[in-house]
Amino acid sequence: MFSDNKSDVWESISDLMTGLMLIFLFISLAVLWELQRTGHKIADLKQAIYQELVEEFPTSDLEKWGAVIDNKTMAVTFREPDVLFGVGQSTVQPKFQEILNDFFPRYIKVLTKPEFNGKIAEIRIEGYASLEAGENRDSDYDYFHNMEISQSRARNVLQYVFSIPAMADKKEWLRQTVITNRYSFGRASGSSNEERRVEFRFITDDQQLLKEFEKLGIGVE
């Protein structure tokens, strides 16, 4: 009789484990389905914003500014280094100030359209620096020195766009949304024009959610 009771216990445990495994499987499938759905939502939203950006900024504007819009990263990149800053300097050049006066209010106008309301988590102003004459790609000092320059450039661009009169009624939203990033050389494999640049890019709320999943080792294609 004792043997029969023991067998019944193990059968009950086995049934319980099978049930738990099925529950875990259904939960995993639900999570993966939600991740995939979120991925599609992000792609659709970014494509909608991209279309608005290319309509707002025709090729004539982009060529005049030395700028491009990347249809994958959605970054608006200004890549005419002599227009942006002096060599080894972080002060925003007068010509770049004129460009920002035109570009930034229109950029914010697109990202704050009613159909995108509440969907933009961050706007990032990213500064990049390149190697200058006499600097060494293998030098730690030059690497961190250039990182300091790029940080100052991104901060100064942020400070300047905050001062644009057309942004006066958007400052609270900007304070909550706009951040700066900085990078030293080595973020581009091409010419110095590709490394010396300023980029504006947006991050959606759903992208933030996916990043939290990535921290847990869960990803989506």
N, C-alpha and C. Protein backbone atom coordinates (compact mmCIF):
# COMPACT_ATOMS: atom_id res chain seq x y z
N MET A 1 0.83 -1.21 0.00
CA MET A 1 0.00 0.00 0.00
C MET A 1 0.87 1.26 0.00
N PHE A 2 1.99 1.20 0.76
CA PHE A 2 2.87 2.35 0.84
C PHE A 2 3.43 2.68 -0.54
N SER A 3 3.76 1.61 -1.29
CA SER A 3 4.30 1.80 -2.63
C SER A 3 3.27 2.45 -3.54
N ASP A 4 2.01 2.04 -3.41
CA ASP A 4 0.95 2.63 -4.24
C ASP A 4 0.79 4.10 -3.92
N ASN A 5 0.82 4.48 -2.64
CA ASN A 5 0.69 5.89 -2.24
C ASN A 5 1.84 6.73 -2.80
N LYS A 6 3.06 6.13 -2.73
CA LYS A 6 4.22 6.85 -3.25
C LYS A 6 4.08 7.07 -4.74
N SER A 7 3.57 6.07 -5.44
CA SER A 7 3.38 6.19 -6.89
C SER A 7 2.36 7.28 -7.21
N ASP A 8 1.29 7.33 -6.41
CA ASP A 8 0.27 8.36 -6.63
C ASP A 8 0.85 9.75 -6.41
N VAL A 9 1.71 9.90 -5.40
CA VAL A 9 2.32 11.21 -5.12
C VAL A 9 3.16 11.66 -6.30
N TRP A 10 3.99 10.73 -6.83
CA TRP A 10 4.86 11.10 -7.95
C TRP A 10 4.04 11.41 -9.20
N GLU A 11 2.94 10.70 -9.38
CA GLU A 11 2.08 11.00 -10.53
C GLU A 11 1.47 12.40 -10.38
N SER A 12 1.08 12.75 -9.15
CA SER A 12 0.51 14.07 -8.90
C SER A 12 1.55 15.17 -9.16
N ILE A 13 2.78 14.92 -8.68
CA ILE A 13 3.85 15.89 -8.89
C ILE A 13 4.15 16.04 -10.39
N SER A 14 4.16 14.90 -11.08
CA SER A 14 4.42 14.93 -12.52
C SER A 14 3.33 15.72 -13.25
N ASP A 15 2.07 15.49 -12.87
CA ASP A 15 0.97 16.23 -13.49
C ASP A 15 1.09 17.73 -13.21
N LEU A 16 1.49 18.04 -11.95
CA LEU A 16 1.65 19.45 -11.58
C LEU A 16 2.75 20.12 -12.40
N MET A 17 3.89 19.42 -12.55
CA MET A 17 5.01 19.96 -13.31
C MET A 17 4.63 20.14 -14.78
N THR A 18 3.90 19.19 -15.31
CA THR A 18 3.44 19.31 -16.71
C THR A 18 2.54 20.52 -16.87
N GLY A 19 1.63 20.71 -15.90
CA GLY A 19 0.75 21.87 -15.95
C GLY A 19 1.50 23.18 -15.87
N LEU A 20 2.52 23.22 -14.96
CA LEU A 20 3.33 24.44 -14.83
C LEU A 20 4.12 24.72 -16.10
N MET A 21 4.63 23.66 -16.72
CA MET A 21 5.38 23.84 -17.97
C MET A 21 4.48 24.38 -19.07
N LEU A 22 3.25 23.88 -19.13
CA LEU A 22 2.31 24.38 -20.13
C LEU A 22 1.97 25.85 -19.89
N ILE A 23 1.78 26.20 -18.60
CA ILE A 23 1.49 27.60 -18.26
C ILE A 23 2.66 28.49 -18.67
N PHE A 24 3.88 28.03 -18.35
CA PHE A 24 5.08 28.79 -18.70
C PHE A 24 5.20 28.94 -20.22
N LEU A 25 4.88 27.87 -20.95
CA LEU A 25 4.94 27.92 -22.42
C LEU A 25 3.95 28.95 -22.96
N PHE A 26 2.71 28.94 -22.44
CA PHE A 26 1.71 29.89 -22.91
C PHE A 26 2.12 31.33 -22.58
N ILE A 27 2.69 31.53 -21.38
CA ILE A 27 3.15 32.87 -21.00
C ILE A 27 4.28 33.32 -21.93
N SER A 28 5.22 32.41 -22.23
CA SER A 28 6.34 32.74 -23.11
C SER A 28 5.85 33.10 -24.50
N LEU A 29 4.89 32.34 -25.00
CA LEU A 29 4.33 32.63 -26.33
C LEU A 29 3.62 33.98 -26.34
N ALA A 30 2.91 34.27 -25.24
CA ALA A 30 2.21 35.55 -25.15
C ALA A 30 3.20 36.72 -25.14
N VAL A 31 4.30 36.55 -24.38
CA VAL A 31 5.32 37.60 -24.32
C VAL A 31 5.96 37.80 -25.68
N LEU A 32 6.31 36.70 -26.35
CA LEU A 32 6.93 36.80 -27.67
C LEU A 32 5.97 37.44 -28.68
N TRP A 33 4.70 37.09 -28.59
CA TRP A 33 3.71 37.69 -29.49
C TRP A 33 3.60 39.19 -29.24
N GLU A 34 3.62 39.59 -27.96
CA GLU A 34 3.54 41.01 -27.63
C GLU A 34 4.78 41.75 -28.10
N LEU A 35 5.95 41.12 -27.95
CA LEU A 35 7.19 41.73 -28.43
C LEU A 35 7.15 41.93 -29.94
N GLN A 36 6.67 40.92 -30.64
CA GLN A 36 6.59 41.02 -32.10
C GLN A 36 5.60 42.12 -32.51
N ARG A 37 4.48 42.17 -31.81
CA ARG A 37 3.48 43.20 -32.10
C ARG A 37 4.05 44.59 -31.82
N THR A 38 4.80 44.71 -30.72
CA THR A 38 5.42 45.98 -30.39
C THR A 38 6.45 46.37 -31.43
N GLY A 39 7.21 45.38 -31.90
CA GLY A 39 8.19 45.65 -32.95
C GLY A 39 7.54 46.18 -34.21
N HIS A 40 6.41 45.62 -34.59
CA HIS A 40 5.69 46.11 -35.77
C HIS A 40 5.14 47.52 -35.53
N LYS A 41 4.65 47.77 -34.32
CA LYS A 41 4.15 49.11 -34.00
C LYS A 41 5.25 50.14 -34.10
N ILE A 42 6.44 49.80 -33.58
CA ILE A 42 7.57 50.72 -33.66
C ILE A 42 7.93 51.00 -35.11
N ALA A 43 7.99 49.94 -35.91
CA ALA A 43 8.35 50.12 -37.32
C ALA A 43 7.34 51.00 -38.03
N ASP A 44 6.04 50.78 -37.77
CA ASP A 44 5.00 51.59 -38.41
C ASP A 44 5.08 53.04 -37.97
N LEU A 45 5.30 53.26 -36.66
CA LEU A 45 5.38 54.62 -36.13
C LEU A 45 6.59 55.35 -36.71
N LYS A 46 7.75 54.68 -36.71
CA LYS A 46 8.95 55.32 -37.23
C LYS A 46 8.81 55.64 -38.72
N GLN A 47 8.16 54.76 -39.46
CA GLN A 47 7.96 55.03 -40.87
C GLN A 47 7.03 56.22 -41.08
N ALA A 48 6.00 56.32 -40.23
CA ALA A 48 5.08 57.46 -40.34
C ALA A 48 5.81 58.77 -40.03
N ILE A 49 6.66 58.75 -39.00
CA ILE A 49 7.42 59.96 -38.67
C ILE A 49 8.42 60.28 -39.77
N TYR A 50 9.04 59.24 -40.32
CA TYR A 50 10.00 59.46 -41.41
C TYR A 50 9.32 60.16 -42.59
N GLN A 51 8.13 59.70 -42.95
CA GLN A 51 7.41 60.33 -44.06
C GLN A 51 7.12 61.80 -43.76
N GLU A 52 6.76 62.09 -42.52
CA GLU A 52 6.51 63.48 -42.14
C GLU A 52 7.79 64.31 -42.23
N LEU A 53 8.91 63.71 -41.82
CA LEU A 53 10.18 64.43 -41.85
C LEU A 53 10.62 64.74 -43.29
N VAL A 54 10.49 63.77 -44.19
CA VAL A 54 10.93 64.02 -45.56
C VAL A 54 10.01 65.00 -46.27
N GLU A 55 8.75 65.06 -45.84
CA GLU A 55 7.85 66.07 -46.39
C GLU A 55 8.18 67.45 -45.85
N GLU A 56 8.53 67.52 -44.57
CA GLU A 56 8.86 68.80 -43.94
C GLU A 56 10.21 69.33 -44.45
N PHE A 57 11.15 68.41 -44.68
CA PHE A 57 12.50 68.82 -45.08
C PHE A 57 12.81 68.27 -46.47
N PRO A 58 12.47 69.02 -47.51
CA PRO A 58 12.75 68.56 -48.88
C PRO A 58 14.26 68.49 -49.13
N THR A 59 14.61 67.82 -50.22
CA THR A 59 16.01 67.64 -50.57
C THR A 59 16.75 68.98 -50.67
N SER A 60 16.07 69.99 -51.16
CA SER A 60 16.72 71.30 -51.31
C SER A 60 17.19 71.85 -49.96
N ASP A 61 16.39 71.67 -48.92
CA ASP A 61 16.79 72.10 -47.58
C ASP A 61 17.98 71.29 -47.09
N LEU A 62 17.87 69.96 -47.21
CA LEU A 62 18.92 69.09 -46.70
C LEU A 62 20.26 69.36 -47.39
N GLU A 63 20.22 69.54 -48.69
CA GLU A 63 21.46 69.82 -49.42
C GLU A 63 22.05 71.16 -49.00
N LYS A 64 21.19 72.15 -48.80
CA LYS A 64 21.65 73.47 -48.37
C LYS A 64 22.32 73.40 -47.00
N TRP A 65 21.82 72.53 -46.14
CA TRP A 65 22.35 72.41 -44.78
C TRP A 65 23.51 71.41 -44.68
N GLY A 66 23.74 70.61 -45.72
CA GLY A 66 24.70 69.52 -45.60
C GLY A 66 24.19 68.44 -44.66
N ALA A 67 22.90 68.12 -44.78
CA ALA A 67 22.26 67.17 -43.86
C ALA A 67 21.63 66.02 -44.62
N VAL A 68 21.40 64.92 -43.91
CA VAL A 68 20.70 63.76 -44.47
C VAL A 68 19.76 63.21 -43.41
N ILE A 69 18.72 62.52 -43.87
CA ILE A 69 17.83 61.79 -42.96
C ILE A 69 17.98 60.31 -43.26
N ASP A 70 18.35 59.54 -42.26
CA ASP A 70 18.55 58.10 -42.43
C ASP A 70 17.21 57.39 -42.27
N ASN A 71 16.80 56.63 -43.28
CA ASN A 71 15.49 55.98 -43.23
C ASN A 71 15.47 54.72 -42.37
N LYS A 72 16.62 54.35 -41.78
CA LYS A 72 16.66 53.21 -40.86
C LYS A 72 16.72 53.69 -39.41
N THR A 73 17.66 54.58 -39.12
CA THR A 73 17.81 55.07 -37.75
C THR A 73 16.93 56.27 -37.46
N MET A 74 16.39 56.90 -38.52
CA MET A 74 15.58 58.12 -38.42
C MET A 74 16.40 59.33 -37.96
N ALA A 75 17.74 59.19 -37.92
CA ALA A 75 18.58 60.30 -37.48
C ALA A 75 18.67 61.36 -38.56
N VAL A 76 18.60 62.62 -38.14
CA VAL A 76 18.90 63.74 -39.02
C VAL A 76 20.33 64.13 -38.71
N THR A 77 21.22 63.98 -39.68
CA THR A 77 22.65 64.17 -39.46
C THR A 77 23.15 65.39 -40.22
N PHE A 78 23.82 66.28 -39.50
CA PHE A 78 24.49 67.43 -40.10
C PHE A 78 25.97 67.08 -40.20
N ARG A 79 26.49 67.02 -41.41
CA ARG A 79 27.82 66.45 -41.61
C ARG A 79 28.75 67.35 -42.40
N GLU A 80 28.58 68.65 -42.27
CA GLU A 80 29.53 69.59 -42.84
C GLU A 80 30.32 70.21 -41.68
N PRO A 81 31.41 69.57 -41.27
CA PRO A 81 32.08 69.96 -40.03
C PRO A 81 32.53 71.41 -39.98
N ASP A 82 32.94 71.97 -41.12
CA ASP A 82 33.42 73.36 -41.10
C ASP A 82 32.30 74.35 -40.83
N VAL A 83 31.05 73.92 -41.08
CA VAL A 83 29.89 74.77 -40.81
C VAL A 83 29.49 74.67 -39.34
N LEU A 84 29.70 73.52 -38.74
CA LEU A 84 29.18 73.25 -37.39
C LEU A 84 30.00 73.94 -36.31
N PHE A 85 31.29 73.61 -36.26
CA PHE A 85 32.18 74.10 -35.19
C PHE A 85 33.57 74.36 -35.78
N GLY A 86 34.34 75.18 -35.10
CA GLY A 86 35.73 75.33 -35.46
C GLY A 86 36.50 74.08 -35.11
N VAL A 87 37.66 73.88 -35.75
CA VAL A 87 38.47 72.69 -35.48
C VAL A 87 38.87 72.65 -34.01
N GLY A 88 38.54 71.55 -33.34
CA GLY A 88 38.86 71.40 -31.93
C GLY A 88 38.06 72.30 -31.01
N GLN A 89 37.01 72.93 -31.54
CA GLN A 89 36.20 73.87 -30.76
C GLN A 89 34.79 73.33 -30.57
N SER A 90 34.06 73.88 -29.62
CA SER A 90 32.69 73.42 -29.36
C SER A 90 31.65 74.53 -29.47
N THR A 91 32.10 75.76 -29.78
CA THR A 91 31.15 76.87 -29.94
C THR A 91 30.37 76.69 -31.24
N VAL A 92 29.05 76.84 -31.18
CA VAL A 92 28.21 76.70 -32.37
C VAL A 92 28.49 77.86 -33.32
N GLN A 93 28.92 77.54 -34.53
CA GLN A 93 29.26 78.55 -35.52
C GLN A 93 28.00 79.34 -35.95
N PRO A 94 28.16 80.63 -36.32
CA PRO A 94 27.01 81.44 -36.74
C PRO A 94 26.19 80.79 -37.86
N LYS A 95 26.87 80.15 -38.83
CA LYS A 95 26.14 79.51 -39.93
C LYS A 95 25.29 78.36 -39.41
N PHE A 96 25.83 77.59 -38.47
CA PHE A 96 25.05 76.48 -37.91
C PHE A 96 23.90 77.02 -37.06
N GLN A 97 24.09 78.15 -36.40
CA GLN A 97 23.00 78.78 -35.66
C GLN A 97 21.84 79.10 -36.61
N GLU A 98 22.16 79.63 -37.78
CA GLU A 98 21.12 79.95 -38.76
C GLU A 98 20.38 78.69 -39.19
N ILE A 99 21.15 77.61 -39.40
CA ILE A 99 20.52 76.35 -39.78
C ILE A 99 19.61 75.84 -38.68
N LEU A 100 20.08 75.89 -37.44
CA LEU A 100 19.27 75.41 -36.31
C LEU A 100 18.01 76.26 -36.14
N ASN A 101 18.11 77.56 -36.39
CA ASN A 101 16.94 78.43 -36.30
C ASN A 101 15.83 77.97 -37.24
N ASP A 102 16.23 77.47 -38.39
CA ASP A 102 15.27 77.00 -39.38
C ASP A 102 14.85 75.56 -39.10
N PHE A 103 15.84 74.71 -38.83
CA PHE A 103 15.57 73.27 -38.69
C PHE A 103 14.82 72.90 -37.43
N PHE A 104 15.30 73.33 -36.27
CA PHE A 104 14.83 72.74 -35.01
C PHE A 104 13.34 73.00 -34.74
N PRO A 105 12.82 74.21 -34.92
CA PRO A 105 11.38 74.39 -34.70
C PRO A 105 10.52 73.51 -35.61
N ARG A 106 10.96 73.32 -36.83
CA ARG A 106 10.20 72.46 -37.76
C ARG A 106 10.31 70.99 -37.37
N TYR A 107 11.47 70.60 -36.87
CA TYR A 107 11.67 69.23 -36.40
C TYR A 107 10.75 68.94 -35.22
N ILE A 108 10.70 69.85 -34.28
CA ILE A 108 9.83 69.67 -33.11
C ILE A 108 8.36 69.72 -33.52
N LYS A 109 8.04 70.54 -34.50
CA LYS A 109 6.66 70.60 -34.99
C LYS A 109 6.19 69.23 -35.48
N VAL A 110 7.08 68.52 -36.19
CA VAL A 110 6.74 67.18 -36.68
C VAL A 110 6.54 66.22 -35.51
N LEU A 111 7.48 66.21 -34.56
CA LEU A 111 7.44 65.23 -33.48
C LEU A 111 6.33 65.48 -32.46
N THR A 112 5.76 66.68 -32.47
CA THR A 112 4.67 66.99 -31.53
C THR A 112 3.31 67.04 -32.22
N LYS A 113 3.23 66.50 -33.43
CA LYS A 113 1.93 66.43 -34.11
C LYS A 113 0.98 65.56 -33.28
N PRO A 114 -0.32 65.85 -33.34
CA PRO A 114 -1.29 65.11 -32.51
C PRO A 114 -1.19 63.60 -32.67
N GLU A 115 -0.95 63.12 -33.89
CA GLU A 115 -0.89 61.67 -34.10
C GLU A 115 0.31 61.02 -33.43
N PHE A 116 1.31 61.82 -33.03
CA PHE A 116 2.48 61.28 -32.33
C PHE A 116 2.48 61.66 -30.86
N ASN A 117 1.38 62.21 -30.39
CA ASN A 117 1.31 62.68 -29.01
C ASN A 117 1.54 61.54 -28.01
N GLY A 118 2.48 61.75 -27.10
CA GLY A 118 2.77 60.76 -26.07
C GLY A 118 3.60 59.59 -26.53
N LYS A 119 4.03 59.60 -27.80
CA LYS A 119 4.77 58.45 -28.33
C LYS A 119 6.28 58.70 -28.43
N ILE A 120 6.71 59.92 -28.19
CA ILE A 120 8.13 60.24 -28.23
C ILE A 120 8.68 60.27 -26.81
N ALA A 121 9.57 59.33 -26.51
CA ALA A 121 10.14 59.25 -25.16
C ALA A 121 11.34 60.17 -25.00
N GLU A 122 12.18 60.26 -26.04
CA GLU A 122 13.38 61.07 -25.98
C GLU A 122 13.71 61.64 -27.35
N ILE A 123 14.33 62.80 -27.32
CA ILE A 123 15.02 63.33 -28.49
C ILE A 123 16.48 63.46 -28.09
N ARG A 124 17.35 62.87 -28.87
CA ARG A 124 18.77 62.86 -28.53
C ARG A 124 19.56 63.76 -29.48
N ILE A 125 20.33 64.65 -28.92
CA ILE A 125 21.29 65.44 -29.68
C ILE A 125 22.65 64.80 -29.45
N GLU A 126 23.23 64.26 -30.51
CA GLU A 126 24.45 63.49 -30.37
C GLU A 126 25.60 64.20 -31.07
N GLY A 127 26.68 64.44 -30.32
CA GLY A 127 27.86 65.08 -30.87
C GLY A 127 28.95 64.06 -31.11
N TYR A 128 29.64 64.21 -32.23
CA TYR A 128 30.72 63.31 -32.61
C TYR A 128 31.96 64.13 -32.94
N ALA A 129 33.11 63.62 -32.57
CA ALA A 129 34.37 64.29 -32.87
C ALA A 129 35.24 63.35 -33.70
N SER A 130 36.19 63.93 -34.42
CA SER A 130 37.10 63.13 -35.24
C SER A 130 38.54 63.43 -34.85
N LEU A 131 39.43 62.62 -35.36
CA LEU A 131 40.86 62.88 -35.18
C LEU A 131 41.26 64.15 -35.92
N GLU A 132 42.03 64.98 -35.28
CA GLU A 132 42.57 66.16 -35.94
C GLU A 132 44.07 65.96 -36.18
N ALA A 133 44.66 66.88 -36.89
CA ALA A 133 46.08 66.77 -37.22
C ALA A 133 46.91 66.61 -35.94
N GLY A 134 47.81 65.64 -35.95
CA GLY A 134 48.69 65.42 -34.81
C GLY A 134 48.12 64.49 -33.76
N GLU A 135 46.84 64.12 -33.90
CA GLU A 135 46.24 63.22 -32.91
C GLU A 135 46.43 61.77 -33.32
N ASN A 136 46.34 60.89 -32.34
CA ASN A 136 46.65 59.48 -32.53
C ASN A 136 45.45 58.63 -32.16
N ARG A 137 44.99 57.79 -33.09
CA ARG A 137 43.83 56.93 -32.85
C ARG A 137 44.07 55.96 -31.71
N ASP A 138 45.32 55.62 -31.45
CA ASP A 138 45.65 54.67 -30.38
C ASP A 138 45.92 55.36 -29.04
N SER A 139 45.79 56.68 -29.01
CA SER A 139 46.10 57.43 -27.78
C SER A 139 44.85 57.56 -26.91
N ASP A 140 44.95 57.11 -25.66
CA ASP A 140 43.83 57.28 -24.73
C ASP A 140 43.55 58.76 -24.49
N TYR A 141 44.62 59.55 -24.38
CA TYR A 141 44.43 60.99 -24.13
C TYR A 141 43.63 61.62 -25.26
N ASP A 142 44.00 61.36 -26.52
CA ASP A 142 43.29 61.95 -27.65
C ASP A 142 41.84 61.46 -27.71
N TYR A 143 41.64 60.18 -27.36
CA TYR A 143 40.29 59.62 -27.38
C TYR A 143 39.39 60.38 -26.39
N PHE A 144 39.84 60.52 -25.16
CA PHE A 144 39.01 61.17 -24.14
C PHE A 144 38.95 62.68 -24.34
N HIS A 145 40.01 63.26 -24.88
CA HIS A 145 39.97 64.68 -25.21
C HIS A 145 38.89 64.97 -26.25
N ASN A 146 38.82 64.12 -27.27
CA ASN A 146 37.79 64.29 -28.29
C ASN A 146 36.39 64.02 -27.75
N MET A 147 36.30 63.11 -26.78
CA MET A 147 35.01 62.86 -26.17
C MET A 147 34.53 64.09 -25.40
N GLU A 148 35.44 64.78 -24.72
CA GLU A 148 35.09 66.02 -24.02
C GLU A 148 34.60 67.08 -25.00
N ILE A 149 35.29 67.17 -26.15
CA ILE A 149 34.87 68.15 -27.16
C ILE A 149 33.47 67.82 -27.67
N SER A 150 33.22 66.54 -27.98
CA SER A 150 31.91 66.16 -28.52
C SER A 150 30.81 66.39 -27.48
N GLN A 151 31.13 66.17 -26.19
CA GLN A 151 30.15 66.42 -25.13
C GLN A 151 29.81 67.91 -25.08
N SER A 152 30.83 68.76 -25.17
CA SER A 152 30.59 70.21 -25.15
C SER A 152 29.80 70.64 -26.38
N ARG A 153 30.08 70.03 -27.52
CA ARG A 153 29.34 70.38 -28.74
C ARG A 153 27.87 70.04 -28.60
N ALA A 154 27.57 68.83 -28.12
CA ALA A 154 26.17 68.44 -27.96
C ALA A 154 25.47 69.34 -26.95
N ARG A 155 26.14 69.64 -25.84
CA ARG A 155 25.54 70.52 -24.82
C ARG A 155 25.30 71.92 -25.38
N ASN A 156 26.26 72.44 -26.13
CA ASN A 156 26.10 73.79 -26.68
C ASN A 156 25.00 73.87 -27.72
N VAL A 157 24.85 72.80 -28.50
CA VAL A 157 23.73 72.76 -29.45
C VAL A 157 22.41 72.75 -28.69
N LEU A 158 22.34 71.93 -27.63
CA LEU A 158 21.12 71.90 -26.82
C LEU A 158 20.84 73.27 -26.22
N GLN A 159 21.85 73.91 -25.68
CA GLN A 159 21.67 75.23 -25.09
C GLN A 159 21.20 76.24 -26.13
N TYR A 160 21.74 76.12 -27.34
CA TYR A 160 21.34 77.08 -28.37
C TYR A 160 19.88 76.87 -28.79
N VAL A 161 19.48 75.62 -29.03
CA VAL A 161 18.10 75.41 -29.50
C VAL A 161 17.09 75.82 -28.43
N PHE A 162 17.49 75.72 -27.15
CA PHE A 162 16.60 76.20 -26.09
C PHE A 162 16.40 77.71 -26.19
N SER A 163 17.39 78.42 -26.74
CA SER A 163 17.32 79.88 -26.81
C SER A 163 16.55 80.39 -28.02
N ILE A 164 16.19 79.50 -28.94
CA ILE A 164 15.46 79.93 -30.14
C ILE A 164 14.09 80.45 -29.72
N PRO A 165 13.74 81.68 -30.09
CA PRO A 165 12.46 82.27 -29.65
C PRO A 165 11.25 81.40 -29.96
N ALA A 166 11.26 80.71 -31.08
CA ALA A 166 10.11 79.88 -31.46
C ALA A 166 9.90 78.71 -30.51
N MET A 167 10.88 78.43 -29.67
CA MET A 167 10.79 77.31 -28.74
C MET A 167 10.30 77.73 -27.35
N ALA A 168 9.99 79.00 -27.19
CA ALA A 168 9.63 79.52 -25.86
C ALA A 168 8.49 78.75 -25.21
N ASP A 169 7.48 78.38 -26.00
CA ASP A 169 6.32 77.69 -25.42
C ASP A 169 6.49 76.17 -25.36
N LYS A 170 7.67 75.68 -25.77
CA LYS A 170 7.93 74.24 -25.76
C LYS A 170 8.98 73.85 -24.73
N LYS A 171 9.46 74.82 -23.96
CA LYS A 171 10.63 74.55 -23.11
C LYS A 171 10.37 73.46 -22.08
N GLU A 172 9.20 73.43 -21.48
CA GLU A 172 8.92 72.41 -20.47
C GLU A 172 8.97 71.02 -21.10
N TRP A 173 8.38 70.89 -22.28
CA TRP A 173 8.40 69.61 -22.99
C TRP A 173 9.83 69.25 -23.38
N LEU A 174 10.60 70.23 -23.83
CA LEU A 174 11.98 69.99 -24.21
C LEU A 174 12.80 69.52 -23.02
N ARG A 175 12.60 70.14 -21.86
CA ARG A 175 13.36 69.76 -20.67
C ARG A 175 13.11 68.29 -20.31
N GLN A 176 11.90 67.84 -20.54
CA GLN A 176 11.54 66.47 -20.19
C GLN A 176 11.96 65.46 -21.25
N THR A 177 12.24 65.94 -22.46
CA THR A 177 12.39 65.03 -23.59
C THR A 177 13.79 65.01 -24.20
N VAL A 178 14.44 66.17 -24.27
CA VAL A 178 15.71 66.26 -25.01
C VAL A 178 16.89 65.94 -24.10
N ILE A 179 17.77 65.06 -24.57
CA ILE A 179 19.00 64.73 -23.86
C ILE A 179 20.18 64.85 -24.83
N THR A 180 21.39 64.81 -24.29
CA THR A 180 22.57 64.84 -25.15
C THR A 180 23.40 63.58 -24.96
N ASN A 181 24.03 63.16 -26.03
CA ASN A 181 25.00 62.07 -26.01
C ASN A 181 26.28 62.57 -26.67
N ARG A 182 27.41 61.97 -26.31
CA ARG A 182 28.66 62.38 -26.94
C ARG A 182 29.50 61.17 -27.26
N TYR A 183 30.22 61.28 -28.39
CA TYR A 183 31.06 60.18 -28.85
C TYR A 183 32.39 60.74 -29.33
N SER A 184 33.45 59.99 -29.09
CA SER A 184 34.75 60.37 -29.61
C SER A 184 34.90 59.82 -31.02
N PHE A 185 36.11 59.84 -31.55
CA PHE A 185 36.35 59.27 -32.87
C PHE A 185 36.18 57.76 -32.81
N GLY A 186 36.04 57.17 -33.99
CA GLY A 186 35.92 55.71 -34.05
C GLY A 186 34.50 55.23 -34.26
N ARG A 187 33.53 56.14 -34.34
CA ARG A 187 32.14 55.74 -34.54
C ARG A 187 31.77 55.70 -36.02
N ALA A 188 32.70 56.00 -36.90
CA ALA A 188 32.48 55.89 -38.33
C ALA A 188 33.76 55.37 -38.97
N SER A 189 33.62 54.60 -40.03
CA SER A 189 34.79 53.99 -40.66
C SER A 189 35.26 54.78 -41.87
N GLY A 190 34.55 55.83 -42.23
CA GLY A 190 34.88 56.58 -43.43
C GLY A 190 35.70 57.81 -43.14
N SER A 191 35.38 58.91 -43.86
CA SER A 191 36.16 60.13 -43.76
C SER A 191 35.87 60.86 -42.46
N SER A 192 36.68 61.90 -42.18
CA SER A 192 36.47 62.68 -40.97
C SER A 192 35.13 63.39 -41.00
N ASN A 193 34.61 63.68 -42.21
CA ASN A 193 33.28 64.30 -42.30
C ASN A 193 32.21 63.40 -41.72
N GLU A 194 32.42 62.07 -41.77
CA GLU A 194 31.45 61.15 -41.20
C GLU A 194 31.59 61.08 -39.69
N GLU A 195 32.78 61.36 -39.18
CA GLU A 195 32.99 61.31 -37.74
C GLU A 195 32.67 62.65 -37.08
N ARG A 196 32.95 63.75 -37.74
CA ARG A 196 32.67 65.08 -37.19
C ARG A 196 31.27 65.48 -37.63
N ARG A 197 30.31 65.28 -36.75
CA ARG A 197 28.93 65.54 -37.15
C ARG A 197 28.07 65.75 -35.90
N VAL A 198 26.84 66.21 -36.14
CA VAL A 198 25.82 66.32 -35.09
C VAL A 198 24.58 65.61 -35.60
N GLU A 199 23.98 64.79 -34.73
CA GLU A 199 22.78 64.06 -35.12
C GLU A 199 21.63 64.37 -34.16
N PHE A 200 20.44 64.42 -34.72
CA PHE A 200 19.20 64.50 -33.95
C PHE A 200 18.43 63.22 -34.22
N ARG A 201 18.07 62.52 -33.16
CA ARG A 201 17.29 61.30 -33.34
C ARG A 201 16.26 61.20 -32.21
N PHE A 202 15.17 60.50 -32.49
CA PHE A 202 14.11 60.34 -31.50
C PHE A 202 14.01 58.87 -31.08
N ILE A 203 13.54 58.66 -29.85
CA ILE A 203 13.30 57.33 -29.30
C ILE A 203 11.83 57.29 -28.89
N THR A 204 11.12 56.25 -29.32
CA THR A 204 9.71 56.13 -28.97
C THR A 204 9.53 55.41 -27.63
N ASP A 205 8.35 55.56 -27.05
CA ASP A 205 8.05 54.87 -25.78
C ASP A 205 8.20 53.36 -25.92
N ASP A 206 7.73 52.81 -27.04
CA ASP A 206 7.82 51.37 -27.25
C ASP A 206 9.26 50.91 -27.35
N GLN A 207 10.12 51.74 -27.94
CA GLN A 207 11.54 51.39 -27.99
C GLN A 207 12.13 51.27 -26.59
N GLN A 208 11.70 52.15 -25.69
CA GLN A 208 12.15 52.08 -24.30
C GLN A 208 11.72 50.76 -23.68
N LEU A 209 10.49 50.34 -23.98
CA LEU A 209 9.98 49.07 -23.45
C LEU A 209 10.83 47.91 -23.94
N LEU A 210 11.16 47.90 -25.22
CA LEU A 210 11.98 46.83 -25.77
C LEU A 210 13.36 46.79 -25.12
N LYS A 211 13.90 47.96 -24.78
CA LYS A 211 15.20 48.00 -24.12
C LYS A 211 15.14 47.34 -22.75
N GLU A 212 14.01 47.52 -22.06
CA GLU A 212 13.85 46.87 -20.76
C GLU A 212 13.81 45.35 -20.92
N PHE A 213 13.15 44.87 -21.97
CA PHE A 213 13.15 43.43 -22.24
C PHE A 213 14.55 42.94 -22.59
N GLU A 214 15.30 43.75 -23.35
CA GLU A 214 16.66 43.36 -23.74
C GLU A 214 17.55 43.18 -22.52
N LYS A 215 17.32 44.01 -21.48
CA LYS A 215 18.10 43.86 -20.25
C LYS A 215 17.85 42.51 -19.61
N LEU A 216 16.67 41.94 -19.86
CA LEU A 216 16.34 40.62 -19.32
C LEU A 216 16.75 39.50 -20.25
N GLY A 217 17.41 39.87 -21.37
CA GLY A 217 17.85 38.87 -22.32
C GLY A 217 16.77 38.44 -23.29
N ILE A 218 15.70 39.26 -23.41
CA ILE A 218 14.61 38.95 -24.32
C ILE A 218 14.67 39.93 -25.48
N GLY A 219 14.76 39.43 -26.69
CA GLY A 219 14.85 40.30 -27.86
C GLY A 219 13.80 39.95 -28.88
N VAL A 220 13.70 40.81 -29.90
CA VAL A 220 12.73 40.58 -30.97
C VAL A 220 13.38 41.01 -32.26
N GLU A 221 13.13 40.24 -33.32
CA GLU A 221 13.68 40.59 -34.63
C GLU A 221 12.78 41.64 -35.28
